[in-house]
Amino acid sequence: MGLRPHLLTRRTAGVASTTLALLLSTAAVGVVPAASAFSAAPAGTCVEPADVHADARIKAGGIARHEPNELTAQQVKEREADLAAALRERASRQSATVAPLATVTIPVVVHVIQEDSTRAGGNIPDSMISNQISVLNQAYSGATGGASTAFAFQLQKINRVTNPAWYPIVQGSSAERSMKSSLREGGKNVLNMYLGELSDDLLGWATFPQRRLNSMDGVVVLNESLPGGTATNYNQGDTATHEVGHWLNLYHTFQGGCSGSGDSVSDTPAEASPAYQCPTGRDTCSAPGLDPITNFMDYTYDSCMYQFTPGQASRMLTAWNAYRAA
């Protein structure tokens, strides 16, 4: 699959060094099904799940109840205009003595949603969560082979909640709204991650950043997609890597297909459609470059994903300073 040997070792073990988090600490709703596709719902204020961009990733062979959709060109245009406006607004408020952040440590609050106390009922061990944080730190530091980003992740809390009414987590439901409204902690800079069994073969979903914080902000991830989980081909932790990318304002690499502004990042080659499994050498657009199948924002197996680009790293930091910085 063209992956670096050290990457394969890391993914097989499902564990990464926490040293990177310490070194870096000086730093959309998206839905992920288990292997069909990611999607996006209409833009909005995030007051209701249906009003935010929803991005979905589906397991191979999975069938989502709702057909996953890409953001329309108009939705992307609106989001990009909002980003520009947020940057202007922040610049107008910013003191000349306060520079935009260059490195960011993101506090992470993990909510483990359980049906009961069994592993089958969602009670995954703390070790899987610790390993997930390590995978995020490796991915976002560039240790797996991609560009280094400004971001590191620090686990603040594991909150275990046994509530059969919230299990499985159903995207866009009143139960999801109730769960997040009851549990979400912190400000816009705090990543709230909700783990559980998910509806409709989804692997996870996430909110894109917005200027006003609401209770739906965060990412939802299939519990067994964490390192060492049982979701075959999707159990090395990169569902969370992908969804956090949306939370930090990245689109899919195949956004917009072969034309237009694509994913609004200049150094990710154009891609006509999502890539699944690990189709080495795939080239679906006439523009230069093979399809970015190893990028964390495509749909390939976890074992095939290992990188962000410098352009994506820059876009995430720009959006952080526009939307999530204190």
C-alpha atoms as a PDB file:
ATOM      1  CA  MET A   1       0.000   0.000   0.000  1.00  0.00           C
ATOM      2  CA  GLY A   2       3.014   2.251  -0.149  1.00  0.00           C
ATOM      3  CA  LEU A   3       2.943   3.007   3.566  1.00  0.00           C
ATOM      4  CA  ARG A   4       6.049   3.631   5.583  1.00  0.00           C
ATOM      5  CA  PRO A   5       7.130   0.635   7.679  1.00  0.00           C
ATOM      6  CA  HIS A   6       7.015   2.615  10.920  1.00  0.00           C
ATOM      7  CA  LEU A   7       3.435   3.621  10.112  1.00  0.00           C
ATOM      8  CA  LEU A   8       2.376   0.025   9.672  1.00  0.00           C
ATOM      9  CA  THR A   9       3.969  -0.840  13.004  1.00  0.00           C
ATOM     10  CA  ARG A  10       2.153   1.985  14.732  1.00  0.00           C
ATOM     11  CA  ARG A  11      -1.186   1.029  13.248  1.00  0.00           C
ATOM     12  CA  THR A  12      -0.797  -2.647  14.051  1.00  0.00           C
ATOM     13  CA  ALA A  13      -0.032  -1.871  17.653  1.00  0.00           C
ATOM     14  CA  GLY A  14      -2.738   0.744  17.899  1.00  0.00           C
ATOM     15  CA  VAL A  15      -0.541   2.693  20.318  1.00  0.00           C
ATOM     16  CA  ALA A  16       1.472   5.869  19.900  1.00  0.00           C
ATOM     17  CA  SER A  17       3.878   7.720  22.127  1.00  0.00           C
ATOM     18  CA  THR A  18       2.376  10.472  24.276  1.00  0.00           C
ATOM     19  CA  THR A  19       5.684  12.329  24.166  1.00  0.00           C
ATOM     20  CA  LEU A  20       4.574  14.113  21.007  1.00  0.00           C
ATOM     21  CA  ALA A  21       1.667  15.673  22.868  1.00  0.00           C
ATOM     22  CA  LEU A  22       4.015  17.115  25.426  1.00  0.00           C
ATOM     23  CA  LEU A  23       6.388  18.417  22.786  1.00  0.00           C
ATOM     24  CA  LEU A  24       3.600  20.073  20.821  1.00  0.00           C
ATOM     25  CA  SER A  25       1.749  21.465  23.787  1.00  0.00           C
ATOM     26  CA  THR A  26       3.732  24.673  23.381  1.00  0.00           C
ATOM     27  CA  ALA A  27      -0.633  23.576  20.856  1.00  0.00           C
ATOM     28  CA  ALA A  28     -19.387  20.600   9.075  1.00  0.00           C
ATOM     29  CA  VAL A  29     -21.564  18.220  11.081  1.00  0.00           C
ATOM     30  CA  GLY A  30     -19.647  15.244   9.732  1.00  0.00           C
ATOM     31  CA  VAL A  31     -20.933  11.722   9.923  1.00  0.00           C
ATOM     32  CA  VAL A  32     -18.716   8.660   9.563  1.00  0.00           C
ATOM     33  CA  PRO A  33     -20.326   5.415   8.537  1.00  0.00           C
ATOM     34  CA  ALA A  34     -18.292   2.231   8.429  1.00  0.00           C
ATOM     35  CA  ALA A  35     -17.173   2.115   4.314  1.00  0.00           C
ATOM     36  CA  SER A  36     -19.565   3.641   1.888  1.00  0.00           C
ATOM     37  CA  ALA A  37     -19.259   7.415   2.015  1.00  0.00           C
ATOM     38  CA  PHE A  38     -19.050  10.672   3.958  1.00  0.00           C
ATOM     39  CA  SER A  39     -21.786  13.248   3.446  1.00  0.00           C
ATOM     40  CA  ALA A  40     -22.772  16.777   4.269  1.00  0.00           C
ATOM     41  CA  ALA A  41     -26.146  18.212   5.184  1.00  0.00           C
ATOM     42  CA  PRO A  42     -27.368  21.756   4.602  1.00  0.00           C
ATOM     43  CA  ALA A  43     -25.529  24.569   6.312  1.00  0.00           C
ATOM     44  CA  GLY A  44     -27.123  26.437   9.172  1.00  0.00           C
ATOM     45  CA  THR A  45     -26.779  27.696  12.683  1.00  0.00           C
ATOM     46  CA  CYS A  46     -26.279  24.304  14.327  1.00  0.00           C
ATOM     47  CA  VAL A  47     -29.344  24.931  16.462  1.00  0.00           C
ATOM     48  CA  GLU A  48     -30.637  21.563  15.296  1.00  0.00           C
ATOM     49  CA  PRO A  49     -28.608  18.642  13.941  1.00  0.00           C
ATOM     50  CA  ALA A  50     -30.372  18.938  10.582  1.00  0.00           C
ATOM     51  CA  ASP A  51     -29.194  22.522  10.275  1.00  0.00           C
ATOM     52  CA  VAL A  52     -25.474  21.796  10.293  1.00  0.00           C
ATOM     53  CA  HIS A  53     -23.152  20.285   7.711  1.00  0.00           C
ATOM     54  CA  ALA A  54     -23.181  16.550   8.301  1.00  0.00           C
ATOM     55  CA  ASP A  55     -20.333  14.492   6.985  1.00  0.00           C
ATOM     56  CA  ALA A  56     -20.678  10.734   6.831  1.00  0.00           C
ATOM     57  CA  ARG A  57     -18.275   7.855   6.454  1.00  0.00           C
ATOM     58  CA  ILE A  58     -19.774   4.396   5.935  1.00  0.00           C
ATOM     59  CA  LYS A  59     -18.226   0.991   6.437  1.00  0.00           C
ATOM     60  CA  ALA A  60     -17.487  -1.029   3.323  1.00  0.00           C
ATOM     61  CA  GLY A  61     -20.691  -2.717   2.330  1.00  0.00           C
ATOM     62  CA  GLY A  62     -22.705  -0.570   4.689  1.00  0.00           C
ATOM     63  CA  ILE A  63     -25.986   0.988   3.632  1.00  0.00           C
ATOM     64  CA  ALA A  64     -26.890   4.315   5.208  1.00  0.00           C
ATOM     65  CA  ARG A  65     -30.534   5.099   5.766  1.00  0.00           C
ATOM     66  CA  HIS A  66     -29.897   8.554   4.363  1.00  0.00           C
ATOM     67  CA  GLU A  67     -27.951   8.915   1.141  1.00  0.00           C
ATOM     68  CA  PRO A  68     -24.635  10.654   1.970  1.00  0.00           C
ATOM     69  CA  ASN A  69     -24.313  13.955   0.127  1.00  0.00           C
ATOM     70  CA  GLU A  70     -21.471  16.292  -0.645  1.00  0.00           C
ATOM     71  CA  LEU A  71     -21.656  19.966   0.262  1.00  0.00           C
ATOM     72  CA  THR A  72     -23.073  21.892  -2.651  1.00  0.00           C
ATOM     73  CA  ALA A  73     -20.994  24.565  -4.339  1.00  0.00           C
ATOM     74  CA  GLN A  74     -23.256  27.160  -2.724  1.00  0.00           C
ATOM     75  CA  GLN A  75     -22.731  25.699   0.750  1.00  0.00           C
ATOM     76  CA  VAL A  76     -18.961  25.779   0.274  1.00  0.00           C
ATOM     77  CA  LYS A  77     -19.185  29.368  -0.996  1.00  0.00           C
ATOM     78  CA  GLU A  78     -21.173  30.359   2.100  1.00  0.00           C
ATOM     79  CA  ARG A  79     -18.738  28.634   4.449  1.00  0.00           C
ATOM     80  CA  GLU A  80     -15.731  30.249   2.810  1.00  0.00           C
ATOM     81  CA  ALA A  81     -17.390  33.665   2.976  1.00  0.00           C
ATOM     82  CA  ASP A  82     -18.119  33.115   6.658  1.00  0.00           C
ATOM     83  CA  LEU A  83     -14.502  32.149   7.317  1.00  0.00           C
ATOM     84  CA  ALA A  84     -13.303  35.348   5.641  1.00  0.00           C
ATOM     85  CA  ALA A  85     -15.797  37.390   7.661  1.00  0.00           C
ATOM     86  CA  ALA A  86     -14.758  35.680  10.909  1.00  0.00           C
ATOM     87  CA  LEU A  87     -11.115  36.472  10.202  1.00  0.00           C
ATOM     88  CA  ARG A  88     -11.921  40.129   9.528  1.00  0.00           C
ATOM     89  CA  GLU A  89     -14.010  40.309  12.676  1.00  0.00           C
ATOM     90  CA  ARG A  90     -11.277  38.789  14.801  1.00  0.00           C
ATOM     91  CA  ALA A  91      -8.635  41.079  13.288  1.00  0.00           C
ATOM     92  CA  SER A  92     -10.713  44.126  14.118  1.00  0.00           C
ATOM     93  CA  ARG A  93     -10.935  43.066  17.776  1.00  0.00           C
ATOM     94  CA  GLN A  94      -7.376  41.864  18.171  1.00  0.00           C
ATOM     95  CA  SER A  95      -4.840  43.885  20.100  1.00  0.00           C
ATOM     96  CA  ALA A  96      -1.623  44.705  18.299  1.00  0.00           C
ATOM     97  CA  THR A  97       0.215  42.981  21.155  1.00  0.00           C
ATOM     98  CA  VAL A  98      -1.673  39.692  20.779  1.00  0.00           C
ATOM     99  CA  ALA A  99      -0.545  37.523  17.864  1.00  0.00           C
ATOM    100  CA  PRO A 100      -2.632  34.690  16.375  1.00  0.00           C
ATOM    101  CA  LEU A 101      -1.839  31.327  17.889  1.00  0.00           C
ATOM    102  CA  ALA A 102       0.825  29.254  16.145  1.00  0.00           C
ATOM    103  CA  THR A 103       0.617  26.145  18.313  1.00  0.00           C
ATOM    104  CA  VAL A 104      -2.445  24.766  20.041  1.00  0.00           C
ATOM    105  CA  THR A 105      -3.066  22.106  22.675  1.00  0.00           C
ATOM    106  CA  ILE A 106      -6.704  21.011  22.476  1.00  0.00           C
ATOM    107  CA  PRO A 107      -8.343  19.755  25.690  1.00  0.00           C
ATOM    108  CA  VAL A 108     -10.381  16.616  24.988  1.00  0.00           C
ATOM    109  CA  VAL A 109     -13.416  15.472  26.962  1.00  0.00           C
ATOM    110  CA  VAL A 110     -14.528  11.950  26.023  1.00  0.00           C
ATOM    111  CA  HIS A 111     -18.095  10.832  26.703  1.00  0.00           C
ATOM    112  CA  VAL A 112     -18.489   7.050  26.590  1.00  0.00           C
ATOM    113  CA  ILE A 113     -22.154   6.309  25.912  1.00  0.00           C
ATOM    114  CA  GLN A 114     -23.142   2.851  27.128  1.00  0.00           C
ATOM    115  CA  GLU A 115     -26.221   0.697  27.006  1.00  0.00           C
ATOM    116  CA  ASP A 116     -24.934  -1.342  29.940  1.00  0.00           C
ATOM    117  CA  SER A 117     -21.662  -2.287  31.629  1.00  0.00           C
ATOM    118  CA  THR A 118     -20.587  -4.861  29.020  1.00  0.00           C
ATOM    119  CA  ARG A 119     -18.125  -4.325  26.165  1.00  0.00           C
ATOM    120  CA  ALA A 120     -20.937  -5.245  23.735  1.00  0.00           C
ATOM    121  CA  GLY A 121     -23.005  -2.549  25.418  1.00  0.00           C
ATOM    122  CA  GLY A 122     -20.398   0.125  24.761  1.00  0.00           C
ATOM    123  CA  ASN A 123     -18.168  -0.167  27.822  1.00  0.00           C
ATOM    124  CA  ILE A 124     -14.804   0.109  26.087  1.00  0.00           C
ATOM    125  CA  PRO A 125     -11.661   0.235  28.253  1.00  0.00           C
ATOM    126  CA  ASP A 126      -9.788   3.424  29.117  1.00  0.00           C
ATOM    127  CA  SER A 127      -6.744   2.043  27.300  1.00  0.00           C
ATOM    128  CA  MET A 128      -8.515   2.337  23.932  1.00  0.00           C
ATOM    129  CA  ILE A 129      -9.249   5.994  24.635  1.00  0.00           C
ATOM    130  CA  SER A 130      -5.666   6.708  25.677  1.00  0.00           C
ATOM    131  CA  ASN A 131      -4.445   5.007  22.506  1.00  0.00           C
ATOM    132  CA  GLN A 132      -6.866   7.111  20.451  1.00  0.00           C
ATOM    133  CA  ILE A 133      -5.404  10.321  21.873  1.00  0.00           C
ATOM    134  CA  SER A 134      -1.936   9.020  20.980  1.00  0.00           C
ATOM    135  CA  VAL A 135      -3.060   8.286  17.401  1.00  0.00           C
ATOM    136  CA  LEU A 136      -4.415  11.840  17.097  1.00  0.00           C
ATOM    137  CA  ASN A 137      -1.136  13.268  18.351  1.00  0.00           C
ATOM    138  CA  GLN A 138       0.891  11.217  15.906  1.00  0.00           C
ATOM    139  CA  ALA A 139      -1.371  12.067  12.959  1.00  0.00           C
ATOM    140  CA  TYR A 140      -1.475  15.803  13.663  1.00  0.00           C
ATOM    141  CA  SER A 141       2.231  16.064  14.491  1.00  0.00           C
ATOM    142  CA  GLY A 142       3.243  14.574  11.153  1.00  0.00           C
ATOM    143  CA  ALA A 143       4.834  11.555  12.836  1.00  0.00           C
ATOM    144  CA  THR A 144       3.010   9.164  10.508  1.00  0.00           C
ATOM    145  CA  GLY A 145       4.518  10.755   7.404  1.00  0.00           C
ATOM    146  CA  GLY A 146       2.420  13.821   6.614  1.00  0.00           C
ATOM    147  CA  ALA A 147       2.793  17.513   7.334  1.00  0.00           C
ATOM    148  CA  SER A 148       3.152  18.667  10.907  1.00  0.00           C
ATOM    149  CA  THR A 149       0.161  20.703  12.056  1.00  0.00           C
ATOM    150  CA  ALA A 150      -0.119  23.151  14.946  1.00  0.00           C
ATOM    151  CA  PHE A 151      -2.306  20.820  16.979  1.00  0.00           C
ATOM    152  CA  ALA A 152      -1.797  18.470  19.896  1.00  0.00           C
ATOM    153  CA  PHE A 153      -4.451  16.792  22.027  1.00  0.00           C
ATOM    154  CA  GLN A 154      -4.596  16.358  25.778  1.00  0.00           C
ATOM    155  CA  LEU A 155      -7.166  14.100  27.436  1.00  0.00           C
ATOM    156  CA  GLN A 156      -8.905  16.012  30.217  1.00  0.00           C
ATOM    157  CA  LYS A 157     -11.694  13.677  31.232  1.00  0.00           C
ATOM    158  CA  ILE A 158     -13.469  10.407  30.499  1.00  0.00           C
ATOM    159  CA  ASN A 159     -17.173  10.629  31.279  1.00  0.00           C
ATOM    160  CA  ARG A 160     -19.035   7.306  31.273  1.00  0.00           C
ATOM    161  CA  VAL A 161     -22.805   7.466  30.857  1.00  0.00           C
ATOM    162  CA  THR A 162     -25.125   4.466  30.899  1.00  0.00           C
ATOM    163  CA  ASN A 163     -28.341   5.439  29.136  1.00  0.00           C
ATOM    164  CA  PRO A 164     -30.123   2.958  26.804  1.00  0.00           C
ATOM    165  CA  ALA A 165     -32.198   5.844  25.401  1.00  0.00           C
ATOM    166  CA  TRP A 166     -29.013   7.264  23.841  1.00  0.00           C
ATOM    167  CA  TYR A 167     -27.718   3.921  22.563  1.00  0.00           C
ATOM    168  CA  PRO A 168     -27.096   3.523  19.716  1.00  0.00           C
ATOM    169  CA  ILE A 169     -26.389   7.177  18.938  1.00  0.00           C
ATOM    170  CA  VAL A 170     -28.709   8.173  16.082  1.00  0.00           C
ATOM    171  CA  GLN A 171     -27.444  11.042  13.936  1.00  0.00           C
ATOM    172  CA  GLY A 172     -29.852  13.965  13.739  1.00  0.00           C
ATOM    173  CA  SER A 173     -32.213  12.585  16.387  1.00  0.00           C
ATOM    174  CA  SER A 174     -33.760  14.313  19.374  1.00  0.00           C
ATOM    175  CA  ALA A 175     -31.859  11.812  21.515  1.00  0.00           C
ATOM    176  CA  GLU A 176     -28.560  13.025  20.065  1.00  0.00           C
ATOM    177  CA  ARG A 177     -29.542  16.604  20.864  1.00  0.00           C
ATOM    178  CA  SER A 178     -30.547  15.626  24.392  1.00  0.00           C
ATOM    179  CA  MET A 179     -27.276  13.734  24.894  1.00  0.00           C
ATOM    180  CA  LYS A 180     -25.072  16.596  23.732  1.00  0.00           C
ATOM    181  CA  SER A 181     -27.094  19.284  25.498  1.00  0.00           C
ATOM    182  CA  SER A 182     -26.736  17.341  28.746  1.00  0.00           C
ATOM    183  CA  LEU A 183     -23.097  16.362  28.441  1.00  0.00           C
ATOM    184  CA  ARG A 184     -21.076  18.904  26.440  1.00  0.00           C
ATOM    185  CA  GLU A 185     -18.369  20.670  28.467  1.00  0.00           C
ATOM    186  CA  GLY A 186     -16.093  23.682  27.916  1.00  0.00           C
ATOM    187  CA  GLY A 187     -15.817  26.420  25.341  1.00  0.00           C
ATOM    188  CA  LYS A 188     -15.233  26.399  21.593  1.00  0.00           C
ATOM    189  CA  ASN A 189     -11.629  25.290  22.141  1.00  0.00           C
ATOM    190  CA  VAL A 190     -12.615  22.059  23.931  1.00  0.00           C
ATOM    191  CA  LEU A 191     -13.078  18.952  21.800  1.00  0.00           C
ATOM    192  CA  ASN A 192     -16.014  16.902  23.043  1.00  0.00           C
ATOM    193  CA  MET A 193     -15.908  13.367  21.655  1.00  0.00           C
ATOM    194  CA  TYR A 194     -18.897  11.055  21.974  1.00  0.00           C
ATOM    195  CA  LEU A 195     -18.234   7.315  21.667  1.00  0.00           C
ATOM    196  CA  GLY A 196     -20.838   4.597  21.212  1.00  0.00           C
ATOM    197  CA  GLU A 197     -22.568   2.281  18.795  1.00  0.00           C
ATOM    198  CA  LEU A 198     -23.864   4.371  15.888  1.00  0.00           C
ATOM    199  CA  SER A 199     -26.890   4.185  13.642  1.00  0.00           C
ATOM    200  CA  ASP A 200     -26.975   3.386   9.924  1.00  0.00           C
ATOM    201  CA  ASP A 201     -23.500   1.833   9.555  1.00  0.00           C
ATOM    202  CA  LEU A 202     -21.895   5.180  10.322  1.00  0.00           C
ATOM    203  CA  LEU A 203     -18.353   5.472  11.610  1.00  0.00           C
ATOM    204  CA  GLY A 204     -18.776   8.995  12.973  1.00  0.00           C
ATOM    205  CA  TRP A 205     -19.726  12.603  12.362  1.00  0.00           C
ATOM    206  CA  ALA A 206     -18.571  16.087  13.365  1.00  0.00           C
ATOM    207  CA  THR A 207     -19.548  19.746  13.373  1.00  0.00           C
ATOM    208  CA  PHE A 208     -17.663  22.347  11.394  1.00  0.00           C
ATOM    209  CA  PRO A 209     -16.570  25.386  13.439  1.00  0.00           C
ATOM    210  CA  GLN A 210     -18.986  28.284  13.789  1.00  0.00           C
ATOM    211  CA  ARG A 211     -18.742  31.745  15.278  1.00  0.00           C
ATOM    212  CA  ARG A 212     -21.277  31.000  18.002  1.00  0.00           C
ATOM    213  CA  LEU A 213     -20.893  27.944  20.199  1.00  0.00           C
ATOM    214  CA  ASN A 214     -23.852  25.622  20.561  1.00  0.00           C
ATOM    215  CA  SER A 215     -24.337  22.349  22.360  1.00  0.00           C
ATOM    216  CA  MET A 216     -24.067  20.224  19.206  1.00  0.00           C
ATOM    217  CA  ASP A 217     -20.389  21.139  18.715  1.00  0.00           C
ATOM    218  CA  GLY A 218     -18.069  18.131  18.747  1.00  0.00           C
ATOM    219  CA  VAL A 219     -17.431  14.781  17.125  1.00  0.00           C
ATOM    220  CA  VAL A 220     -19.218  11.443  17.359  1.00  0.00           C
ATOM    221  CA  VAL A 221     -17.159   8.320  16.737  1.00  0.00           C
ATOM    222  CA  LEU A 222     -17.968   4.619  16.583  1.00  0.00           C
ATOM    223  CA  ASN A 223     -16.525   3.131  19.759  1.00  0.00           C
ATOM    224  CA  GLU A 224     -15.077   0.068  18.052  1.00  0.00           C
ATOM    225  CA  SER A 225     -13.233   2.240  15.510  1.00  0.00           C
ATOM    226  CA  LEU A 226     -10.772   3.232  18.211  1.00  0.00           C
ATOM    227  CA  PRO A 227      -7.349   1.519  18.173  1.00  0.00           C
ATOM    228  CA  GLY A 228      -7.825  -2.163  18.989  1.00  0.00           C
ATOM    229  CA  GLY A 229     -11.565  -2.114  18.290  1.00  0.00           C
ATOM    230  CA  THR A 230     -13.566  -4.662  16.334  1.00  0.00           C
ATOM    231  CA  ALA A 231     -14.464  -2.511  13.276  1.00  0.00           C
ATOM    232  CA  THR A 232     -12.389  -4.377  10.683  1.00  0.00           C
ATOM    233  CA  ASN A 233     -10.338  -2.032   8.454  1.00  0.00           C
ATOM    234  CA  TYR A 234     -11.519   0.933  10.522  1.00  0.00           C
ATOM    235  CA  ASN A 235     -10.065   0.110  13.930  1.00  0.00           C
ATOM    236  CA  GLN A 236      -6.791   2.009  13.994  1.00  0.00           C
ATOM    237  CA  GLY A 237      -8.157   5.330  15.191  1.00  0.00           C
ATOM    238  CA  ASP A 238      -8.394   7.322  11.981  1.00  0.00           C
ATOM    239  CA  THR A 239     -12.138   7.800  12.024  1.00  0.00           C
ATOM    240  CA  ALA A 240     -11.448  10.203  14.883  1.00  0.00           C
ATOM    241  CA  THR A 241      -8.526  11.714  12.937  1.00  0.00           C
ATOM    242  CA  HIS A 242     -10.848  12.344   9.979  1.00  0.00           C
ATOM    243  CA  GLU A 243     -13.721  13.746  12.022  1.00  0.00           C
ATOM    244  CA  VAL A 244     -11.477  16.043  14.038  1.00  0.00           C
ATOM    245  CA  GLY A 245     -10.267  17.330  10.663  1.00  0.00           C
ATOM    246  CA  HIS A 246     -13.826  18.437   9.916  1.00  0.00           C
ATOM    247  CA  TRP A 247     -14.113  19.947  13.407  1.00  0.00           C
ATOM    248  CA  LEU A 248     -11.022  21.972  12.459  1.00  0.00           C
ATOM    249  CA  ASN A 249     -12.656  23.062   9.154  1.00  0.00           C
ATOM    250  CA  LEU A 250     -11.307  20.609   6.557  1.00  0.00           C
ATOM    251  CA  TYR A 251     -13.490  19.333   3.727  1.00  0.00           C
ATOM    252  CA  HIS A 252     -13.128  15.948   2.077  1.00  0.00           C
ATOM    253  CA  THR A 253     -10.362  15.663  -0.484  1.00  0.00           C
ATOM    254  CA  PHE A 254     -13.025  14.883  -3.097  1.00  0.00           C
ATOM    255  CA  GLN A 255     -15.175  17.926  -2.291  1.00  0.00           C
ATOM    256  CA  GLY A 256     -16.287  19.509  -5.569  1.00  0.00           C
ATOM    257  CA  GLY A 257     -14.872  16.709  -7.723  1.00  0.00           C
ATOM    258  CA  CYS A 258     -12.506  17.647 -10.544  1.00  0.00           C
ATOM    259  CA  SER A 259     -13.665  21.244 -11.009  1.00  0.00           C
ATOM    260  CA  GLY A 260     -14.067  24.423  -9.019  1.00  0.00           C
ATOM    261  CA  SER A 261     -12.261  25.110  -5.756  1.00  0.00           C
ATOM    262  CA  GLY A 262     -12.410  21.485  -4.597  1.00  0.00           C
ATOM    263  CA  ASP A 263     -11.554  21.214  -0.918  1.00  0.00           C
ATOM    264  CA  SER A 264     -10.236  24.809  -0.855  1.00  0.00           C
ATOM    265  CA  VAL A 265      -6.688  23.509  -0.303  1.00  0.00           C
ATOM    266  CA  SER A 266      -4.257  23.967  -3.191  1.00  0.00           C
ATOM    267  CA  ASP A 267      -1.883  21.082  -2.451  1.00  0.00           C
ATOM    268  CA  THR A 268      -4.422  18.239  -2.354  1.00  0.00           C
ATOM    269  CA  PRO A 269      -4.819  16.902  -5.916  1.00  0.00           C
ATOM    270  CA  ALA A 270      -8.329  17.007  -7.350  1.00  0.00           C
ATOM    271  CA  GLU A 271     -10.344  13.815  -6.893  1.00  0.00           C
ATOM    272  CA  ALA A 272     -13.596  13.010  -8.659  1.00  0.00           C
ATOM    273  CA  SER A 273     -15.131  10.823  -5.955  1.00  0.00           C
ATOM    274  CA  PRO A 274     -14.364   9.122  -2.639  1.00  0.00           C
ATOM    275  CA  ALA A 275     -11.718   6.407  -2.651  1.00  0.00           C
ATOM    276  CA  TYR A 276     -12.381   3.172  -0.759  1.00  0.00           C
ATOM    277  CA  GLN A 277     -10.057   0.448   0.496  1.00  0.00           C
ATOM    278  CA  CYS A 278      -6.572   1.459  -0.813  1.00  0.00           C
ATOM    279  CA  PRO A 279      -6.610   1.883  -4.629  1.00  0.00           C
ATOM    280  CA  THR A 280      -2.932   2.695  -5.205  1.00  0.00           C
ATOM    281  CA  GLY A 281      -2.356   4.726  -8.373  1.00  0.00           C
ATOM    282  CA  ARG A 282      -5.966   5.887  -8.672  1.00  0.00           C
ATOM    283  CA  ASP A 283      -6.262   9.029 -10.832  1.00  0.00           C
ATOM    284  CA  THR A 284      -9.783  10.290 -11.473  1.00  0.00           C
ATOM    285  CA  CYS A 285      -9.064  13.878 -12.597  1.00  0.00           C
ATOM    286  CA  SER A 286      -7.003  15.278 -15.470  1.00  0.00           C
ATOM    287  CA  ALA A 287      -5.372  17.859 -13.184  1.00  0.00           C
ATOM    288  CA  PRO A 288      -1.817  17.056 -11.999  1.00  0.00           C
ATOM    289  CA  GLY A 289      -1.359  14.511  -9.250  1.00  0.00           C
ATOM    290  CA  LEU A 290      -2.750  11.112  -8.366  1.00  0.00           C
ATOM    291  CA  ASP A 291      -5.804  10.930  -6.118  1.00  0.00           C
ATOM    292  CA  PRO A 292      -4.859  11.675  -2.482  1.00  0.00           C
ATOM    293  CA  ILE A 293      -5.909   8.262  -1.211  1.00  0.00           C
ATOM    294  CA  THR A 294      -3.477   8.408   1.721  1.00  0.00           C
ATOM    295  CA  ASN A 295      -4.936  11.656   3.001  1.00  0.00           C
ATOM    296  CA  PHE A 296      -6.854  11.510   6.273  1.00  0.00           C
ATOM    297  CA  MET A 297      -9.761  13.355   4.617  1.00  0.00           C
ATOM    298  CA  ASP A 298     -10.501  10.667   2.014  1.00  0.00           C
ATOM    299  CA  TYR A 299     -12.531   7.472   2.679  1.00  0.00           C
ATOM    300  CA  THR A 300      -9.905   4.757   2.459  1.00  0.00           C
ATOM    301  CA  TYR A 301      -9.103   2.112   5.072  1.00  0.00           C
ATOM    302  CA  ASP A 302      -7.299   3.319   8.173  1.00  0.00           C
ATOM    303  CA  SER A 303      -4.231   1.363   7.043  1.00  0.00           C
ATOM    304  CA  CYS A 304      -4.089   3.483   3.873  1.00  0.00           C
ATOM    305  CA  MET A 305      -4.368   6.899   5.556  1.00  0.00           C
ATOM    306  CA  TYR A 306      -1.319   8.636   6.974  1.00  0.00           C
ATOM    307  CA  GLN A 307      -1.130  12.305   6.063  1.00  0.00           C
ATOM    308  CA  PHE A 308      -2.329  15.865   6.048  1.00  0.00           C
ATOM    309  CA  THR A 309      -0.755  18.332   3.598  1.00  0.00           C
ATOM    310  CA  PRO A 310       0.905  21.659   4.500  1.00  0.00           C
ATOM    311  CA  GLY A 311      -2.082  23.410   2.953  1.00  0.00           C
ATOM    312  CA  GLN A 312      -4.488  21.519   5.176  1.00  0.00           C
ATOM    313  CA  ALA A 313      -2.331  22.310   8.213  1.00  0.00           C
ATOM    314  CA  SER A 314      -2.465  26.003   7.315  1.00  0.00           C
ATOM    315  CA  ARG A 315      -6.221  25.940   6.735  1.00  0.00           C
ATOM    316  CA  MET A 316      -6.876  24.310  10.114  1.00  0.00           C
ATOM    317  CA  LEU A 317      -4.779  26.888  11.968  1.00  0.00           C
ATOM    318  CA  THR A 318      -6.424  29.768  10.108  1.00  0.00           C
ATOM    319  CA  ALA A 319      -9.861  28.430  11.050  1.00  0.00           C
ATOM    320  CA  TRP A 320      -8.775  27.890  14.668  1.00  0.00           C
ATOM    321  CA  ASN A 321      -7.755  31.518  15.004  1.00  0.00           C
ATOM    322  CA  ALA A 322     -10.971  32.638  13.316  1.00  0.00           C
ATOM    323  CA  TYR A 323     -13.420  30.441  15.231  1.00  0.00           C
ATOM    324  CA  ARG A 324     -12.038  28.576  18.231  1.00  0.00           C
ATOM    325  CA  ALA A 325      -9.180  30.610  19.733  1.00  0.00           C
ATOM    326  CA  ALA A 326     -10.025  32.269  23.043  1.00  0.00           C
END
